[in-house]
Amino acid sequence: MRLVVIGVNHKTAPVALRERLALVGDDVNIALKQLEAFTDGSVIVSTCNRTEIYALVPQLAEPQDVPSLSANGAVGAQTSSAAISAHILKIKAWLADFKQLSLSEIDPYLYVHRDTHALTHWLRVAAGLDSMILGEPQILGQIKRSVQLAQEQKALSNQLGWIIDQVFAAAKRVRNETQVGAQAVSLSYAAAKLVTQIFDDLPVALCWWSRQAR
């Protein structure tokens, strides 16, 4: 499939590093343009809890340039895997350079998913299954805005666009056909609700909450 996901989230990296790796505003447009040089389309999802690059690595060399396959196809599989790994390293190095960080500094916190694992991860994120609050709906809207930005920058290939359509369709089914989002709320709402359960007196709860928010 050639789909890869490279990123950090609230599970793998501390807040300070997530802030340094965030891609927002003009950074996203510039990054998408630069990624065109070594991907076949990309989408950047950057929120307070995650920064992720979803990309299709380029096709392999022309068939005549690729070593012939063995009887069981082992050589071709290794070649393909090596090529994808090389592009993953290139994206990692690009991200470090773009954010003016060393690769050794960020690499321990980066996760990488590829092929069907990348697709599964994207679906989990879109459906709110990878969020701090299970099933929270905001992330799907954030992904849709990220896709729109990629479209505006002409960073989407036809194949990546097709994959995105499948992700959105599957995420919609998860929300419509399961109870995963039935009790989903924002993190701030969940915290506020917990405070009111701890304090019987609402004014006291609001006073405590305002002090914590400073």
N, C-alpha and C. Protein backbone atom coordinates (compact mmCIF):
# COMPACT_ATOMS: atom_id res chain seq x y z
N MET A 1 0.82 -1.22 0.00
CA MET A 1 0.00 0.00 0.00
C MET A 1 0.85 1.26 0.00
N ARG A 2 2.04 1.21 0.60
CA ARG A 2 2.98 2.33 0.66
C ARG A 2 2.56 3.44 1.62
N LEU A 3 1.51 3.23 2.41
CA LEU A 3 1.09 4.24 3.37
C LEU A 3 1.93 4.13 4.63
N VAL A 4 2.43 5.28 5.11
CA VAL A 4 3.18 5.31 6.36
C VAL A 4 2.63 6.43 7.24
N VAL A 5 2.76 6.23 8.54
CA VAL A 5 2.40 7.25 9.52
C VAL A 5 3.61 7.43 10.44
N ILE A 6 4.02 8.66 10.61
CA ILE A 6 5.14 8.99 11.50
C ILE A 6 4.67 10.12 12.41
N GLY A 7 4.84 9.95 13.73
CA GLY A 7 4.38 11.02 14.60
C GLY A 7 4.63 10.79 16.07
N VAL A 8 4.11 11.71 16.85
CA VAL A 8 4.13 11.61 18.31
C VAL A 8 2.73 11.93 18.81
N ASN A 9 2.40 11.41 19.98
CA ASN A 9 1.12 11.78 20.59
C ASN A 9 1.27 11.81 22.11
N HIS A 10 0.13 11.95 22.79
CA HIS A 10 0.13 12.10 24.24
C HIS A 10 0.62 10.84 24.95
N LYS A 11 0.68 9.72 24.25
CA LYS A 11 1.16 8.48 24.85
C LYS A 11 2.67 8.33 24.74
N THR A 12 3.28 8.95 23.76
CA THR A 12 4.69 8.69 23.48
C THR A 12 5.63 9.84 23.80
N ALA A 13 5.11 11.06 23.89
CA ALA A 13 6.00 12.21 24.05
C ALA A 13 5.46 13.18 25.09
N PRO A 14 6.33 13.83 25.86
CA PRO A 14 5.90 14.83 26.84
C PRO A 14 5.36 16.07 26.14
N VAL A 15 4.60 16.86 26.90
CA VAL A 15 3.97 18.06 26.34
C VAL A 15 5.01 18.98 25.70
N ALA A 16 6.14 19.18 26.38
CA ALA A 16 7.16 20.11 25.88
C ALA A 16 7.63 19.73 24.49
N LEU A 17 7.85 18.43 24.25
CA LEU A 17 8.30 18.00 22.93
C LEU A 17 7.18 18.09 21.91
N ARG A 18 5.96 17.76 22.31
CA ARG A 18 4.83 17.87 21.38
C ARG A 18 4.66 19.31 20.92
N GLU A 19 4.87 20.25 21.82
CA GLU A 19 4.76 21.66 21.46
C GLU A 19 5.84 22.04 20.45
N ARG A 20 7.04 21.51 20.62
CA ARG A 20 8.14 21.85 19.71
C ARG A 20 7.96 21.22 18.33
N LEU A 21 7.24 20.10 18.28
CA LEU A 21 7.01 19.42 17.01
C LEU A 21 5.71 19.83 16.34
N ALA A 22 4.93 20.68 16.97
CA ALA A 22 3.64 21.08 16.41
C ALA A 22 3.84 21.78 15.06
N LEU A 23 2.96 21.49 14.13
CA LEU A 23 2.97 22.12 12.81
C LEU A 23 1.63 22.84 12.64
N VAL A 24 1.65 24.14 12.75
CA VAL A 24 0.41 24.92 12.68
C VAL A 24 0.63 26.13 11.78
N GLY A 25 -0.49 26.73 11.36
CA GLY A 25 -0.41 27.94 10.56
C GLY A 25 0.34 27.73 9.26
N ASP A 26 1.21 28.70 8.93
CA ASP A 26 1.97 28.63 7.68
C ASP A 26 2.93 27.45 7.65
N ASP A 27 3.33 26.96 8.84
CA ASP A 27 4.23 25.80 8.90
C ASP A 27 3.65 24.62 8.12
N VAL A 28 2.33 24.43 8.23
CA VAL A 28 1.70 23.28 7.56
C VAL A 28 1.81 23.41 6.05
N ASN A 29 1.52 24.61 5.52
CA ASN A 29 1.58 24.81 4.08
C ASN A 29 3.00 24.61 3.55
N ILE A 30 3.97 25.16 4.26
CA ILE A 30 5.37 25.01 3.85
C ILE A 30 5.80 23.54 3.92
N ALA A 31 5.40 22.88 5.01
CA ALA A 31 5.77 21.47 5.19
C ALA A 31 5.18 20.60 4.10
N LEU A 32 3.92 20.82 3.75
CA LEU A 32 3.28 20.03 2.70
C LEU A 32 3.99 20.21 1.37
N LYS A 33 4.40 21.43 1.07
CA LYS A 33 5.13 21.69 -0.17
C LYS A 33 6.47 20.96 -0.18
N GLN A 34 7.17 20.97 0.95
CA GLN A 34 8.46 20.30 1.01
C GLN A 34 8.32 18.79 0.92
N LEU A 35 7.26 18.25 1.52
CA LEU A 35 7.04 16.81 1.50
C LEU A 35 6.75 16.29 0.09
N GLU A 36 6.29 17.17 -0.78
CA GLU A 36 6.02 16.77 -2.16
C GLU A 36 7.25 16.19 -2.83
N ALA A 37 8.44 16.65 -2.40
CA ALA A 37 9.68 16.24 -3.06
C ALA A 37 9.99 14.76 -2.87
N PHE A 38 9.48 14.16 -1.79
CA PHE A 38 9.83 12.74 -1.55
C PHE A 38 8.66 11.91 -1.05
N THR A 39 7.43 12.33 -1.36
CA THR A 39 6.25 11.51 -1.08
C THR A 39 5.32 11.57 -2.29
N ASP A 40 4.37 10.66 -2.32
CA ASP A 40 3.32 10.68 -3.34
C ASP A 40 2.02 11.19 -2.73
N GLY A 41 2.13 12.21 -1.90
CA GLY A 41 0.97 12.79 -1.24
C GLY A 41 1.11 12.69 0.26
N SER A 42 0.64 13.72 0.97
CA SER A 42 0.75 13.71 2.43
C SER A 42 -0.34 14.54 3.08
N VAL A 43 -0.61 14.21 4.33
CA VAL A 43 -1.54 14.97 5.18
C VAL A 43 -0.86 15.14 6.53
N ILE A 44 -0.94 16.33 7.08
CA ILE A 44 -0.36 16.60 8.40
C ILE A 44 -1.48 16.87 9.39
N VAL A 45 -1.53 16.06 10.44
CA VAL A 45 -2.50 16.26 11.51
C VAL A 45 -1.74 16.73 12.74
N SER A 46 -2.00 17.95 13.18
CA SER A 46 -1.28 18.49 14.33
C SER A 46 -2.28 19.12 15.29
N THR A 47 -2.40 18.54 16.48
CA THR A 47 -3.29 19.04 17.53
C THR A 47 -2.48 19.17 18.81
N CYS A 48 -3.15 19.53 19.90
CA CYS A 48 -2.43 19.65 21.17
C CYS A 48 -1.93 18.30 21.65
N ASN A 49 -2.53 17.22 21.18
CA ASN A 49 -2.16 15.88 21.66
C ASN A 49 -1.33 15.07 20.67
N ARG A 50 -1.18 15.55 19.43
CA ARG A 50 -0.46 14.74 18.45
C ARG A 50 0.03 15.61 17.29
N THR A 51 1.13 15.17 16.70
CA THR A 51 1.58 15.66 15.40
C THR A 51 1.92 14.43 14.59
N GLU A 52 1.21 14.25 13.46
CA GLU A 52 1.38 13.05 12.65
C GLU A 52 1.47 13.41 11.18
N ILE A 53 2.34 12.71 10.48
CA ILE A 53 2.47 12.84 9.04
C ILE A 53 1.97 11.55 8.42
N TYR A 54 0.94 11.64 7.61
CA TYR A 54 0.42 10.51 6.85
C TYR A 54 0.88 10.69 5.41
N ALA A 55 1.60 9.72 4.89
CA ALA A 55 2.16 9.91 3.55
C ALA A 55 2.22 8.60 2.78
N LEU A 56 2.19 8.74 1.46
CA LEU A 56 2.45 7.61 0.57
C LEU A 56 3.90 7.73 0.10
N VAL A 57 4.69 6.71 0.33
CA VAL A 57 6.06 6.75 -0.17
C VAL A 57 6.02 6.51 -1.68
N PRO A 58 7.01 7.04 -2.41
CA PRO A 58 6.99 6.91 -3.88
C PRO A 58 7.05 5.47 -4.35
N GLN A 59 6.60 5.28 -5.57
CA GLN A 59 6.69 3.96 -6.19
C GLN A 59 8.16 3.55 -6.27
N LEU A 60 8.40 2.23 -6.32
CA LEU A 60 9.75 1.73 -6.50
C LEU A 60 10.24 2.05 -7.90
N ALA A 61 11.49 1.75 -8.14
CA ALA A 61 12.07 1.98 -9.46
C ALA A 61 11.33 1.19 -10.52
N GLU A 62 11.60 1.53 -11.78
CA GLU A 62 10.97 0.80 -12.88
C GLU A 62 11.33 -0.69 -12.80
N PRO A 63 10.46 -1.57 -13.23
CA PRO A 63 10.68 -3.01 -13.10
C PRO A 63 12.06 -3.48 -13.55
N GLN A 64 12.59 -2.90 -14.67
CA GLN A 64 13.87 -3.38 -15.15
C GLN A 64 15.02 -3.02 -14.20
N ASP A 65 14.78 -2.06 -13.31
CA ASP A 65 15.82 -1.65 -12.36
C ASP A 65 15.72 -2.38 -11.03
N VAL A 66 14.66 -3.15 -10.85
CA VAL A 66 14.44 -3.86 -9.59
C VAL A 66 14.98 -5.28 -9.73
N PRO A 67 15.74 -5.78 -8.76
CA PRO A 67 16.27 -7.15 -8.84
C PRO A 67 15.15 -8.15 -9.07
N SER A 68 15.43 -9.16 -9.85
CA SER A 68 14.41 -10.18 -10.14
C SER A 68 14.02 -10.94 -8.89
N LEU A 69 12.80 -11.41 -8.85
CA LEU A 69 12.28 -12.11 -7.70
C LEU A 69 12.77 -13.55 -7.68
N SER A 70 12.90 -14.07 -6.47
CA SER A 70 13.17 -15.49 -6.33
C SER A 70 11.85 -16.24 -6.49
N ALA A 71 11.90 -17.54 -6.41
CA ALA A 71 10.69 -18.35 -6.62
C ALA A 71 9.59 -17.99 -5.66
N ASN A 72 9.95 -17.64 -4.41
CA ASN A 72 8.91 -17.31 -3.43
C ASN A 72 8.73 -15.80 -3.25
N GLY A 73 9.40 -15.01 -4.10
CA GLY A 73 9.21 -13.57 -4.04
C GLY A 73 9.96 -12.89 -2.93
N ALA A 74 10.90 -13.56 -2.29
CA ALA A 74 11.57 -13.01 -1.11
C ALA A 74 12.38 -11.77 -1.43
N VAL A 75 13.11 -11.77 -2.54
CA VAL A 75 13.97 -10.64 -2.87
C VAL A 75 13.15 -9.38 -3.08
N GLY A 76 12.05 -9.52 -3.83
CA GLY A 76 11.20 -8.35 -4.08
C GLY A 76 10.64 -7.79 -2.79
N ALA A 77 10.22 -8.68 -1.86
CA ALA A 77 9.66 -8.22 -0.59
C ALA A 77 10.70 -7.44 0.20
N GLN A 78 11.95 -7.94 0.21
CA GLN A 78 13.00 -7.27 0.95
C GLN A 78 13.32 -5.92 0.32
N THR A 79 13.34 -5.87 -1.01
CA THR A 79 13.63 -4.62 -1.70
C THR A 79 12.57 -3.59 -1.38
N SER A 80 11.32 -3.98 -1.44
CA SER A 80 10.22 -3.07 -1.14
C SER A 80 10.31 -2.57 0.29
N SER A 81 10.56 -3.45 1.21
CA SER A 81 10.66 -3.08 2.61
C SER A 81 11.82 -2.12 2.85
N ALA A 82 12.94 -2.38 2.20
CA ALA A 82 14.10 -1.51 2.35
C ALA A 82 13.83 -0.12 1.80
N ALA A 83 13.13 -0.07 0.67
CA ALA A 83 12.82 1.22 0.06
C ALA A 83 11.89 2.04 0.96
N ILE A 84 10.88 1.39 1.52
CA ILE A 84 9.96 2.08 2.42
C ILE A 84 10.69 2.56 3.67
N SER A 85 11.56 1.72 4.22
CA SER A 85 12.32 2.10 5.41
C SER A 85 13.19 3.32 5.14
N ALA A 86 13.78 3.36 3.94
CA ALA A 86 14.62 4.50 3.57
C ALA A 86 13.81 5.78 3.51
N HIS A 87 12.60 5.70 2.98
CA HIS A 87 11.75 6.89 2.91
C HIS A 87 11.25 7.31 4.29
N ILE A 88 11.01 6.34 5.15
CA ILE A 88 10.61 6.67 6.52
C ILE A 88 11.72 7.45 7.21
N LEU A 89 12.95 6.99 7.04
CA LEU A 89 14.09 7.70 7.63
C LEU A 89 14.21 9.10 7.05
N LYS A 90 13.94 9.24 5.76
CA LYS A 90 14.02 10.55 5.11
C LYS A 90 12.98 11.51 5.69
N ILE A 91 11.76 11.00 5.95
CA ILE A 91 10.71 11.84 6.53
C ILE A 91 11.07 12.24 7.96
N LYS A 92 11.61 11.28 8.72
CA LYS A 92 12.04 11.60 10.08
C LYS A 92 13.11 12.68 10.08
N ALA A 93 14.10 12.53 9.21
CA ALA A 93 15.19 13.50 9.14
C ALA A 93 14.67 14.86 8.70
N TRP A 94 13.72 14.84 7.75
CA TRP A 94 13.12 16.11 7.31
C TRP A 94 12.40 16.80 8.46
N LEU A 95 11.61 16.05 9.24
CA LEU A 95 10.86 16.64 10.36
C LEU A 95 11.80 17.26 11.37
N ALA A 96 12.87 16.56 11.71
CA ALA A 96 13.84 17.09 12.67
C ALA A 96 14.46 18.38 12.14
N ASP A 97 14.84 18.37 10.88
CA ASP A 97 15.44 19.56 10.28
C ASP A 97 14.45 20.71 10.20
N PHE A 98 13.21 20.39 9.84
CA PHE A 98 12.18 21.43 9.69
C PHE A 98 11.92 22.13 11.02
N LYS A 99 11.94 21.36 12.10
CA LYS A 99 11.68 21.92 13.43
C LYS A 99 12.98 22.31 14.15
N GLN A 100 14.10 22.25 13.45
CA GLN A 100 15.41 22.64 13.99
C GLN A 100 15.75 21.86 15.26
N LEU A 101 15.54 20.56 15.16
CA LEU A 101 15.88 19.64 16.25
C LEU A 101 16.78 18.54 15.68
N SER A 102 17.50 17.87 16.55
CA SER A 102 18.31 16.75 16.08
C SER A 102 17.43 15.51 16.00
N LEU A 103 17.72 14.65 15.02
CA LEU A 103 16.94 13.42 14.88
C LEU A 103 17.09 12.54 16.11
N SER A 104 18.28 12.52 16.69
CA SER A 104 18.51 11.70 17.88
C SER A 104 17.67 12.17 19.06
N GLU A 105 17.30 13.44 19.05
CA GLU A 105 16.50 14.01 20.14
C GLU A 105 15.04 13.58 20.06
N ILE A 106 14.52 13.46 18.84
CA ILE A 106 13.09 13.17 18.69
C ILE A 106 12.81 11.71 18.36
N ASP A 107 13.79 11.01 17.80
CA ASP A 107 13.55 9.65 17.31
C ASP A 107 13.01 8.69 18.38
N PRO A 108 13.49 8.76 19.64
CA PRO A 108 12.96 7.83 20.65
C PRO A 108 11.46 7.99 20.91
N TYR A 109 10.92 9.15 20.56
CA TYR A 109 9.50 9.43 20.84
C TYR A 109 8.60 9.22 19.62
N LEU A 110 9.21 9.06 18.45
CA LEU A 110 8.43 8.89 17.23
C LEU A 110 7.93 7.46 17.07
N TYR A 111 6.70 7.30 16.65
CA TYR A 111 6.22 5.97 16.28
C TYR A 111 6.04 5.94 14.77
N VAL A 112 6.16 4.76 14.23
CA VAL A 112 6.02 4.56 12.78
C VAL A 112 5.06 3.40 12.54
N HIS A 113 4.09 3.62 11.68
CA HIS A 113 3.19 2.56 11.23
C HIS A 113 3.25 2.53 9.71
N ARG A 114 3.10 1.34 9.14
CA ARG A 114 3.16 1.24 7.69
C ARG A 114 2.13 0.25 7.18
N ASP A 115 1.73 0.48 5.94
CA ASP A 115 0.78 -0.40 5.24
C ASP A 115 -0.52 -0.55 6.03
N THR A 116 -0.97 -1.79 6.27
CA THR A 116 -2.26 -1.97 6.94
C THR A 116 -2.24 -1.46 8.39
N HIS A 117 -1.08 -1.50 9.03
CA HIS A 117 -0.98 -0.96 10.39
C HIS A 117 -1.18 0.56 10.38
N ALA A 118 -0.67 1.22 9.34
CA ALA A 118 -0.86 2.66 9.20
C ALA A 118 -2.33 2.98 8.98
N LEU A 119 -2.99 2.18 8.13
CA LEU A 119 -4.41 2.40 7.86
C LEU A 119 -5.24 2.18 9.13
N THR A 120 -4.92 1.13 9.87
CA THR A 120 -5.64 0.86 11.12
C THR A 120 -5.45 1.99 12.12
N HIS A 121 -4.23 2.50 12.22
CA HIS A 121 -3.96 3.60 13.13
C HIS A 121 -4.77 4.83 12.74
N TRP A 122 -4.80 5.15 11.46
CA TRP A 122 -5.54 6.33 10.99
C TRP A 122 -7.02 6.19 11.31
N LEU A 123 -7.56 5.00 11.12
CA LEU A 123 -8.96 4.77 11.46
C LEU A 123 -9.20 4.94 12.96
N ARG A 124 -8.30 4.41 13.78
CA ARG A 124 -8.45 4.54 15.23
C ARG A 124 -8.43 6.02 15.65
N VAL A 125 -7.54 6.77 15.04
CA VAL A 125 -7.47 8.20 15.36
C VAL A 125 -8.76 8.90 14.93
N ALA A 126 -9.20 8.66 13.70
CA ALA A 126 -10.39 9.32 13.17
C ALA A 126 -11.65 8.97 13.96
N ALA A 127 -11.71 7.75 14.48
CA ALA A 127 -12.89 7.30 15.23
C ALA A 127 -12.83 7.71 16.70
N GLY A 128 -11.74 8.34 17.11
CA GLY A 128 -11.62 8.76 18.51
C GLY A 128 -11.16 7.65 19.43
N LEU A 129 -10.65 6.56 18.86
CA LEU A 129 -10.22 5.42 19.69
C LEU A 129 -8.80 5.62 20.23
N ASP A 130 -8.10 6.61 19.70
CA ASP A 130 -6.72 6.85 20.12
C ASP A 130 -6.61 8.17 20.90
N SER A 131 -7.76 8.71 21.32
CA SER A 131 -7.79 10.00 22.01
C SER A 131 -7.70 9.82 23.52
N MET A 132 -7.39 10.92 24.22
CA MET A 132 -7.35 10.89 25.68
C MET A 132 -8.73 10.58 26.24
N ILE A 133 -9.77 11.11 25.60
CA ILE A 133 -11.15 10.78 25.94
C ILE A 133 -11.69 9.86 24.84
N LEU A 134 -11.99 8.63 25.18
CA LEU A 134 -12.41 7.64 24.19
C LEU A 134 -13.63 8.12 23.42
N GLY A 135 -13.51 8.12 22.09
CA GLY A 135 -14.64 8.47 21.24
C GLY A 135 -14.89 9.95 21.07
N GLU A 136 -13.99 10.80 21.57
CA GLU A 136 -14.24 12.24 21.44
C GLU A 136 -14.36 12.62 19.96
N PRO A 137 -15.31 13.49 19.63
CA PRO A 137 -15.62 13.76 18.22
C PRO A 137 -14.75 14.82 17.57
N GLN A 138 -14.01 15.63 18.35
CA GLN A 138 -13.28 16.74 17.76
C GLN A 138 -12.21 16.31 16.77
N ILE A 139 -11.59 15.17 17.02
CA ILE A 139 -10.45 14.76 16.20
C ILE A 139 -10.86 14.53 14.74
N LEU A 140 -12.06 14.01 14.51
CA LEU A 140 -12.49 13.78 13.12
C LEU A 140 -12.58 15.09 12.36
N GLY A 141 -13.10 16.12 13.02
CA GLY A 141 -13.16 17.44 12.39
C GLY A 141 -11.78 18.00 12.14
N GLN A 142 -10.86 17.75 13.06
CA GLN A 142 -9.48 18.22 12.89
C GLN A 142 -8.81 17.52 11.71
N ILE A 143 -9.07 16.23 11.55
CA ILE A 143 -8.50 15.50 10.41
C ILE A 143 -9.09 16.03 9.11
N LYS A 144 -10.39 16.30 9.10
CA LYS A 144 -11.02 16.82 7.89
C LYS A 144 -10.44 18.17 7.50
N ARG A 145 -10.15 19.01 8.50
CA ARG A 145 -9.51 20.31 8.20
C ARG A 145 -8.09 20.10 7.67
N SER A 146 -7.40 19.11 8.22
CA SER A 146 -6.05 18.80 7.74
C SER A 146 -6.07 18.33 6.28
N VAL A 147 -7.06 17.51 5.96
CA VAL A 147 -7.20 17.03 4.59
C VAL A 147 -7.54 18.19 3.65
N GLN A 148 -8.39 19.10 4.11
CA GLN A 148 -8.75 20.26 3.29
C GLN A 148 -7.50 21.11 2.99
N LEU A 149 -6.65 21.30 4.02
CA LEU A 149 -5.41 22.06 3.81
C LEU A 149 -4.52 21.35 2.78
N ALA A 150 -4.44 20.03 2.88
CA ALA A 150 -3.63 19.28 1.92
C ALA A 150 -4.19 19.41 0.51
N GLN A 151 -5.51 19.42 0.39
CA GLN A 151 -6.14 19.60 -0.92
C GLN A 151 -5.82 20.98 -1.48
N GLU A 152 -5.90 21.99 -0.63
CA GLU A 152 -5.62 23.36 -1.09
C GLU A 152 -4.19 23.51 -1.56
N GLN A 153 -3.28 22.75 -0.93
CA GLN A 153 -1.87 22.81 -1.32
C GLN A 153 -1.52 21.81 -2.42
N LYS A 154 -2.58 21.13 -2.92
CA LYS A 154 -2.40 20.11 -3.97
C LYS A 154 -1.40 19.03 -3.53
N ALA A 155 -1.51 18.65 -2.26
CA ALA A 155 -0.60 17.65 -1.70
C ALA A 155 -1.21 16.26 -1.69
N LEU A 156 -2.42 16.11 -2.22
CA LEU A 156 -3.09 14.81 -2.22
C LEU A 156 -3.01 14.17 -3.60
N SER A 157 -2.57 12.94 -3.64
CA SER A 157 -2.63 12.17 -4.88
C SER A 157 -3.98 11.46 -4.93
N ASN A 158 -4.32 10.93 -6.08
CA ASN A 158 -5.59 10.21 -6.21
C ASN A 158 -5.65 9.02 -5.27
N GLN A 159 -4.53 8.30 -5.14
CA GLN A 159 -4.53 7.11 -4.29
C GLN A 159 -4.68 7.49 -2.82
N LEU A 160 -3.97 8.54 -2.39
CA LEU A 160 -4.11 8.97 -1.00
C LEU A 160 -5.52 9.49 -0.74
N GLY A 161 -6.09 10.18 -1.71
CA GLY A 161 -7.46 10.65 -1.57
C GLY A 161 -8.44 9.51 -1.40
N TRP A 162 -8.22 8.43 -2.17
CA TRP A 162 -9.09 7.25 -2.06
C TRP A 162 -8.96 6.63 -0.67
N ILE A 163 -7.75 6.54 -0.14
CA ILE A 163 -7.53 5.98 1.20
C ILE A 163 -8.26 6.82 2.24
N ILE A 164 -8.17 8.14 2.11
CA ILE A 164 -8.84 9.04 3.05
C ILE A 164 -10.35 8.83 3.03
N ASP A 165 -10.91 8.65 1.85
CA ASP A 165 -12.34 8.40 1.73
C ASP A 165 -12.73 7.14 2.50
N GLN A 166 -11.90 6.10 2.43
CA GLN A 166 -12.19 4.86 3.15
C GLN A 166 -12.09 5.06 4.65
N VAL A 167 -11.11 5.86 5.08
CA VAL A 167 -10.95 6.14 6.51
C VAL A 167 -12.18 6.87 7.04
N PHE A 168 -12.63 7.90 6.32
CA PHE A 168 -13.80 8.66 6.77
C PHE A 168 -15.05 7.79 6.79
N ALA A 169 -15.21 6.94 5.78
CA ALA A 169 -16.38 6.06 5.73
C ALA A 169 -16.37 5.08 6.89
N ALA A 170 -15.21 4.52 7.19
CA ALA A 170 -15.11 3.56 8.29
C ALA A 170 -15.32 4.25 9.64
N ALA A 171 -14.76 5.46 9.81
CA ALA A 171 -14.95 6.20 11.06
C ALA A 171 -16.42 6.53 11.28
N LYS A 172 -17.11 6.86 10.19
CA LYS A 172 -18.55 7.14 10.29
C LYS A 172 -19.32 5.91 10.74
N ARG A 173 -18.94 4.75 10.21
CA ARG A 173 -19.60 3.51 10.61
C ARG A 173 -19.36 3.21 12.09
N VAL A 174 -18.13 3.43 12.54
CA VAL A 174 -17.81 3.20 13.95
C VAL A 174 -18.71 4.04 14.83
N ARG A 175 -18.89 5.30 14.47
CA ARG A 175 -19.69 6.21 15.29
C ARG A 175 -21.19 5.90 15.20
N ASN A 176 -21.63 5.47 14.02
CA ASN A 176 -23.06 5.22 13.82
C ASN A 176 -23.51 3.85 14.30
N GLU A 177 -22.61 2.88 14.26
CA GLU A 177 -23.02 1.50 14.51
C GLU A 177 -22.49 0.94 15.83
N THR A 178 -21.76 1.75 16.58
CA THR A 178 -21.28 1.31 17.90
C THR A 178 -21.60 2.39 18.92
N GLN A 179 -21.31 2.12 20.18
CA GLN A 179 -21.56 3.07 21.25
C GLN A 179 -20.28 3.79 21.67
N VAL A 180 -19.25 3.73 20.84
CA VAL A 180 -17.96 4.27 21.24
C VAL A 180 -18.03 5.76 21.56
N GLY A 181 -18.91 6.49 20.86
CA GLY A 181 -18.97 7.93 21.11
C GLY A 181 -20.16 8.36 21.94
N ALA A 182 -20.87 7.41 22.52
CA ALA A 182 -22.11 7.73 23.23
C ALA A 182 -21.88 8.67 24.41
N GLN A 183 -20.79 8.47 25.15
CA GLN A 183 -20.51 9.29 26.32
C GLN A 183 -19.30 10.19 26.10
N ALA A 184 -18.88 10.34 24.84
CA ALA A 184 -17.67 11.11 24.55
C ALA A 184 -17.89 12.60 24.78
N VAL A 185 -16.96 13.21 25.47
CA VAL A 185 -16.98 14.65 25.72
C VAL A 185 -15.56 15.16 25.60
N SER A 186 -15.41 16.48 25.68
CA SER A 186 -14.07 17.03 25.65
C SER A 186 -13.37 16.78 26.98
N LEU A 187 -12.06 16.87 26.98
CA LEU A 187 -11.29 16.64 28.20
C LEU A 187 -11.63 17.68 29.25
N SER A 188 -11.81 18.94 28.84
CA SER A 188 -12.13 19.99 29.80
C SER A 188 -13.50 19.77 30.43
N TYR A 189 -14.47 19.30 29.62
CA TYR A 189 -15.80 19.02 30.15
C TYR A 189 -15.74 17.87 31.15
N ALA A 190 -14.97 16.83 30.80
CA ALA A 190 -14.85 15.68 31.70
C ALA A 190 -14.23 16.10 33.03
N ALA A 191 -13.23 16.97 32.97
CA ALA A 191 -12.57 17.43 34.19
C ALA A 191 -13.54 18.27 35.04
N ALA A 192 -14.30 19.14 34.37
CA ALA A 192 -15.25 19.97 35.09
C ALA A 192 -16.33 19.13 35.75
N LYS A 193 -16.79 18.10 35.04
CA LYS A 193 -17.83 17.23 35.59
C LYS A 193 -17.31 16.47 36.81
N LEU A 194 -16.04 16.03 36.74
CA LEU A 194 -15.44 15.33 37.87
C LEU A 194 -15.34 16.24 39.09
N VAL A 195 -15.00 17.51 38.86
CA VAL A 195 -14.88 18.47 39.95
C VAL A 195 -16.22 18.65 40.65
N THR A 196 -17.29 18.75 39.87
CA THR A 196 -18.62 18.93 40.48
C THR A 196 -19.06 17.70 41.25
N GLN A 197 -18.52 16.54 40.89
CA GLN A 197 -18.84 15.32 41.64
C GLN A 197 -18.08 15.27 42.95
N ILE A 198 -16.89 15.89 42.95
CA ILE A 198 -16.07 15.90 44.17
C ILE A 198 -16.62 16.92 45.17
N PHE A 199 -16.99 18.11 44.64
CA PHE A 199 -17.50 19.18 45.50
C PHE A 199 -19.03 19.24 45.40
N ASP A 200 -19.70 19.13 46.54
CA ASP A 200 -21.15 19.21 46.54
C ASP A 200 -21.64 20.62 46.26
N ASP A 201 -20.85 21.61 46.70
CA ASP A 201 -21.23 23.01 46.55
C ASP A 201 -20.71 23.52 45.22
N LEU A 202 -21.62 23.89 44.28
CA LEU A 202 -21.22 24.33 42.96
C LEU A 202 -20.33 25.57 42.98
N PRO A 203 -20.64 26.62 43.76
CA PRO A 203 -19.74 27.79 43.81
C PRO A 203 -18.32 27.42 44.25
N VAL A 204 -18.22 26.50 45.22
CA VAL A 204 -16.89 26.07 45.66
C VAL A 204 -16.17 25.37 44.52
N ALA A 205 -16.92 24.53 43.79
CA ALA A 205 -16.32 23.82 42.66
C ALA A 205 -15.82 24.77 41.59
N LEU A 206 -16.65 25.80 41.29
CA LEU A 206 -16.27 26.76 40.27
C LEU A 206 -15.05 27.57 40.70
N CYS A 207 -14.99 27.89 41.98
CA CYS A 207 -13.84 28.63 42.52
C CYS A 207 -12.57 27.79 42.38
N TRP A 208 -12.67 26.51 42.74
CA TRP A 208 -11.52 25.61 42.65
C TRP A 208 -11.08 25.48 41.19
N TRP A 209 -12.05 25.29 40.29
CA TRP A 209 -11.74 25.11 38.88
C TRP A 209 -11.05 26.34 38.30
N SER A 210 -11.54 27.55 38.69
CA SER A 210 -10.92 28.77 38.16
C SER A 210 -9.48 28.92 38.62
N ARG A 211 -9.19 28.47 39.84
CA ARG A 211 -7.81 28.56 40.34
C ARG A 211 -6.90 27.59 39.56
N GLN A 212 -7.42 26.40 39.22
CA GLN A 212 -6.61 25.43 38.49
C GLN A 212 -6.36 25.86 37.05
N ALA A 213 -7.28 26.64 36.49
CA ALA A 213 -7.17 27.04 35.10
C ALA A 213 -6.19 28.19 34.89
N ARG A 214 -5.74 28.81 35.98
CA ARG A 214 -4.84 29.96 35.84
C ARG A 214 -3.45 29.51 35.41
